[in-house]
């Protein structure tokens, strides 16, 4: 039996979260896996989603986890806001960079599929 992976629409070098929420074709979505869940304080999360082109220490520390594997699976960081009960956040696939080279907005992600540290 084949397992269906969640998919998301990744945007290259987005400026802010609004760039991630634009209409797109389902065929443009890519399968992903959450390698690590990063929970930011409210102020830091707002700063992050307002300026997605800035270098971030938490991305630099975890950039080795972000890659597209040999099967085309986008291995990402999930960035969410602490103390927020909404199941939404930003996937970051830095491709070895210290800034979010590719990002996707996700809702209803599965905590069970995230490797938490």
C-alpha atoms as a PDB file:
ATOM      1  CA  UNK A   1       0.000   0.000   0.000  1.00  0.00           C
ATOM      2  CA  UNK A   2       1.371   3.397  -0.999  1.00  0.00           C
ATOM      3  CA  UNK A   3       1.494   6.136   1.660  1.00  0.00           C
ATOM      4  CA  UNK A   4       0.291   9.564   0.582  1.00  0.00           C
ATOM      5  CA  UNK A   5       2.589  12.372   1.630  1.00  0.00           C
ATOM      6  CA  UNK A   6       1.284  15.835   2.472  1.00  0.00           C
ATOM      7  CA  UNK A   7       2.010  18.437  -0.191  1.00  0.00           C
ATOM      8  CA  UNK A   8       2.534  22.193  -0.121  1.00  0.00           C
ATOM      9  CA  UNK A   9       3.108  25.048  -2.541  1.00  0.00           C
ATOM     10  CA  UNK A  10       6.687  26.280  -2.092  1.00  0.00           C
ATOM     11  CA  UNK A  11       7.606  29.820  -3.122  1.00  0.00           C
ATOM     12  CA  UNK A  12      11.209  30.681  -3.996  1.00  0.00           C
ATOM     13  CA  UNK A  13      12.609  33.657  -2.044  1.00  0.00           C
ATOM     14  CA  UNK A  14       9.330  35.022  -0.655  1.00  0.00           C
ATOM     15  CA  UNK A  15       9.281  38.457   0.968  1.00  0.00           C
ATOM     16  CA  UNK A  16       6.573  37.809   3.551  1.00  0.00           C
ATOM     17  CA  UNK A  17       3.783  35.420   4.459  1.00  0.00           C
ATOM     18  CA  UNK A  18       1.396  37.003   1.948  1.00  0.00           C
ATOM     19  CA  UNK A  19       3.613  35.734  -0.887  1.00  0.00           C
ATOM     20  CA  UNK A  20       2.900  32.192   0.347  1.00  0.00           C
ATOM     21  CA  UNK A  21      -0.865  32.478   0.326  1.00  0.00           C
ATOM     22  CA  UNK A  22      -1.451  33.158  -3.348  1.00  0.00           C
ATOM     23  CA  UNK A  23      -3.581  30.951  -5.601  1.00  0.00           C
ATOM     24  CA  UNK A  24      -1.749  28.120  -7.318  1.00  0.00           C
ATOM     25  CA  UNK A  25      -2.331  24.897  -9.186  1.00  0.00           C
ATOM     26  CA  UNK A  26      -2.407  21.673  -7.189  1.00  0.00           C
ATOM     27  CA  UNK A  27       0.128  20.288  -9.667  1.00  0.00           C
ATOM     28  CA  UNK A  28       2.617  22.912  -8.396  1.00  0.00           C
ATOM     29  CA  UNK A  29       2.570  21.456  -4.872  1.00  0.00           C
ATOM     30  CA  UNK A  30       5.472  19.299  -3.679  1.00  0.00           C
ATOM     31  CA  UNK A  31       5.553  16.459  -1.127  1.00  0.00           C
ATOM     32  CA  UNK A  32       7.273  17.363   2.130  1.00  0.00           C
ATOM     33  CA  UNK A  33       8.412  15.939   5.453  1.00  0.00           C
ATOM     34  CA  UNK A  34       8.917  17.957   8.619  1.00  0.00           C
ATOM     35  CA  UNK A  35      12.415  17.345   9.942  1.00  0.00           C
ATOM     36  CA  UNK A  36      12.176  19.694  12.922  1.00  0.00           C
ATOM     37  CA  UNK A  37       9.513  21.900  14.515  1.00  0.00           C
ATOM     38  CA  UNK A  38      10.704  25.382  15.550  1.00  0.00           C
ATOM     39  CA  UNK A  39       8.377  27.267  17.919  1.00  0.00           C
ATOM     40  CA  UNK A  40       9.072  31.008  18.095  1.00  0.00           C
ATOM     41  CA  UNK A  41       7.838  33.556  20.640  1.00  0.00           C
ATOM     42  CA  UNK A  42       5.087  35.795  19.247  1.00  0.00           C
ATOM     43  CA  UNK A  43       7.362  38.781  18.550  1.00  0.00           C
ATOM     44  CA  UNK A  44       9.964  36.616  16.795  1.00  0.00           C
ATOM     45  CA  UNK A  45       7.330  34.792  14.738  1.00  0.00           C
ATOM     46  CA  UNK A  46       5.757  38.068  13.569  1.00  0.00           C
ATOM     47  CA  UNK A  47       9.215  39.368  12.666  1.00  0.00           C
ATOM     48  CA  UNK A  48       9.916  36.127  10.766  1.00  0.00           C
ATOM     49  CA  UNK A  49       6.700  36.123   8.681  1.00  0.00           C
ATOM     50  CA  UNK A  50       7.067  39.852   7.966  1.00  0.00           C
ATOM     51  CA  UNK A  51      10.602  39.490   6.573  1.00  0.00           C
ATOM     52  CA  UNK A  52      11.224  36.030   5.129  1.00  0.00           C
ATOM     53  CA  UNK A  53      14.419  37.124   3.360  1.00  0.00           C
ATOM     54  CA  UNK A  54      16.477  37.749   6.498  1.00  0.00           C
ATOM     55  CA  UNK A  55      19.160  35.374   7.762  1.00  0.00           C
ATOM     56  CA  UNK A  56      17.902  33.510  10.829  1.00  0.00           C
ATOM     57  CA  UNK A  57      20.028  31.781  13.499  1.00  0.00           C
ATOM     58  CA  UNK A  58      17.506  28.934  13.857  1.00  0.00           C
ATOM     59  CA  UNK A  59      17.784  28.242  10.117  1.00  0.00           C
ATOM     60  CA  UNK A  60      21.585  28.380  10.220  1.00  0.00           C
ATOM     61  CA  UNK A  61      21.617  25.857  13.098  1.00  0.00           C
ATOM     62  CA  UNK A  62      19.338  23.457  11.209  1.00  0.00           C
ATOM     63  CA  UNK A  63      20.169  24.042   7.551  1.00  0.00           C
ATOM     64  CA  UNK A  64      21.710  20.571   7.280  1.00  0.00           C
ATOM     65  CA  UNK A  65      18.165  19.168   7.657  1.00  0.00           C
ATOM     66  CA  UNK A  66      16.761  21.133   4.700  1.00  0.00           C
ATOM     67  CA  UNK A  67      17.079  19.462   1.325  1.00  0.00           C
ATOM     68  CA  UNK A  68      15.245  17.742  -1.473  1.00  0.00           C
ATOM     69  CA  UNK A  69      16.012  14.038  -1.238  1.00  0.00           C
ATOM     70  CA  UNK A  70      16.595  11.568  -4.058  1.00  0.00           C
ATOM     71  CA  UNK A  71      12.853  10.769  -4.212  1.00  0.00           C
ATOM     72  CA  UNK A  72      11.850  14.433  -4.575  1.00  0.00           C
ATOM     73  CA  UNK A  73      10.673  14.794  -0.956  1.00  0.00           C
ATOM     74  CA  UNK A  74      11.191  18.315   0.409  1.00  0.00           C
ATOM     75  CA  UNK A  75      12.706  17.925   3.884  1.00  0.00           C
ATOM     76  CA  UNK A  76      11.819  21.068   5.853  1.00  0.00           C
ATOM     77  CA  UNK A  77      11.656  22.938   9.094  1.00  0.00           C
ATOM     78  CA  UNK A  78       8.200  23.824  10.377  1.00  0.00           C
ATOM     79  CA  UNK A  79       8.127  27.270  12.000  1.00  0.00           C
ATOM     80  CA  UNK A  80       5.148  28.128  14.200  1.00  0.00           C
ATOM     81  CA  UNK A  81       4.241  30.589  16.908  1.00  0.00           C
ATOM     82  CA  UNK A  82       4.501  29.466  20.531  1.00  0.00           C
ATOM     83  CA  UNK A  83       1.293  29.335  22.526  1.00  0.00           C
ATOM     84  CA  UNK A  84      -0.894  29.334  19.431  1.00  0.00           C
ATOM     85  CA  UNK A  85      -3.490  26.600  19.113  1.00  0.00           C
ATOM     86  CA  UNK A  86      -3.903  27.073  15.366  1.00  0.00           C
ATOM     87  CA  UNK A  87      -2.387  24.255  13.331  1.00  0.00           C
ATOM     88  CA  UNK A  88      -0.727  26.499  10.782  1.00  0.00           C
ATOM     89  CA  UNK A  89       2.810  27.587  10.137  1.00  0.00           C
ATOM     90  CA  UNK A  90       5.560  28.084   7.595  1.00  0.00           C
ATOM     91  CA  UNK A  91       7.628  25.320   6.060  1.00  0.00           C
ATOM     92  CA  UNK A  92      11.216  26.359   5.379  1.00  0.00           C
ATOM     93  CA  UNK A  93      13.485  24.571   2.938  1.00  0.00           C
ATOM     94  CA  UNK A  94      16.718  26.570   2.969  1.00  0.00           C
ATOM     95  CA  UNK A  95      18.677  24.255   0.678  1.00  0.00           C
ATOM     96  CA  UNK A  96      21.774  24.864   2.817  1.00  0.00           C
ATOM     97  CA  UNK A  97      21.350  28.644   3.099  1.00  0.00           C
ATOM     98  CA  UNK A  98      20.868  30.642   6.343  1.00  0.00           C
ATOM     99  CA  UNK A  99      17.674  32.263   5.097  1.00  0.00           C
ATOM    100  CA  UNK A 100      14.390  30.697   3.931  1.00  0.00           C
ATOM    101  CA  UNK A 101      15.192  30.034   0.268  1.00  0.00           C
ATOM    102  CA  UNK A 102      11.841  28.273  -0.229  1.00  0.00           C
ATOM    103  CA  UNK A 103       8.776  28.578   2.002  1.00  0.00           C
ATOM    104  CA  UNK A 104       5.250  27.246   2.076  1.00  0.00           C
ATOM    105  CA  UNK A 105       2.263  28.117   4.230  1.00  0.00           C
ATOM    106  CA  UNK A 106       0.630  25.043   5.785  1.00  0.00           C
ATOM    107  CA  UNK A 107      -2.542  24.401   7.730  1.00  0.00           C
ATOM    108  CA  UNK A 108      -3.561  21.316   9.612  1.00  0.00           C
ATOM    109  CA  UNK A 109      -0.110  19.766   9.595  1.00  0.00           C
ATOM    110  CA  UNK A 110       0.278  16.601  11.590  1.00  0.00           C
ATOM    111  CA  UNK A 111       2.313  16.901  14.797  1.00  0.00           C
ATOM    112  CA  UNK A 112       2.913  13.161  14.626  1.00  0.00           C
ATOM    113  CA  UNK A 113       4.822  13.555  11.378  1.00  0.00           C
ATOM    114  CA  UNK A 114       7.104  16.254  12.810  1.00  0.00           C
ATOM    115  CA  UNK A 115      10.353  15.379  14.490  1.00  0.00           C
ATOM    116  CA  UNK A 116      10.317  17.674  17.506  1.00  0.00           C
ATOM    117  CA  UNK A 117      13.422  18.777  19.358  1.00  0.00           C
END
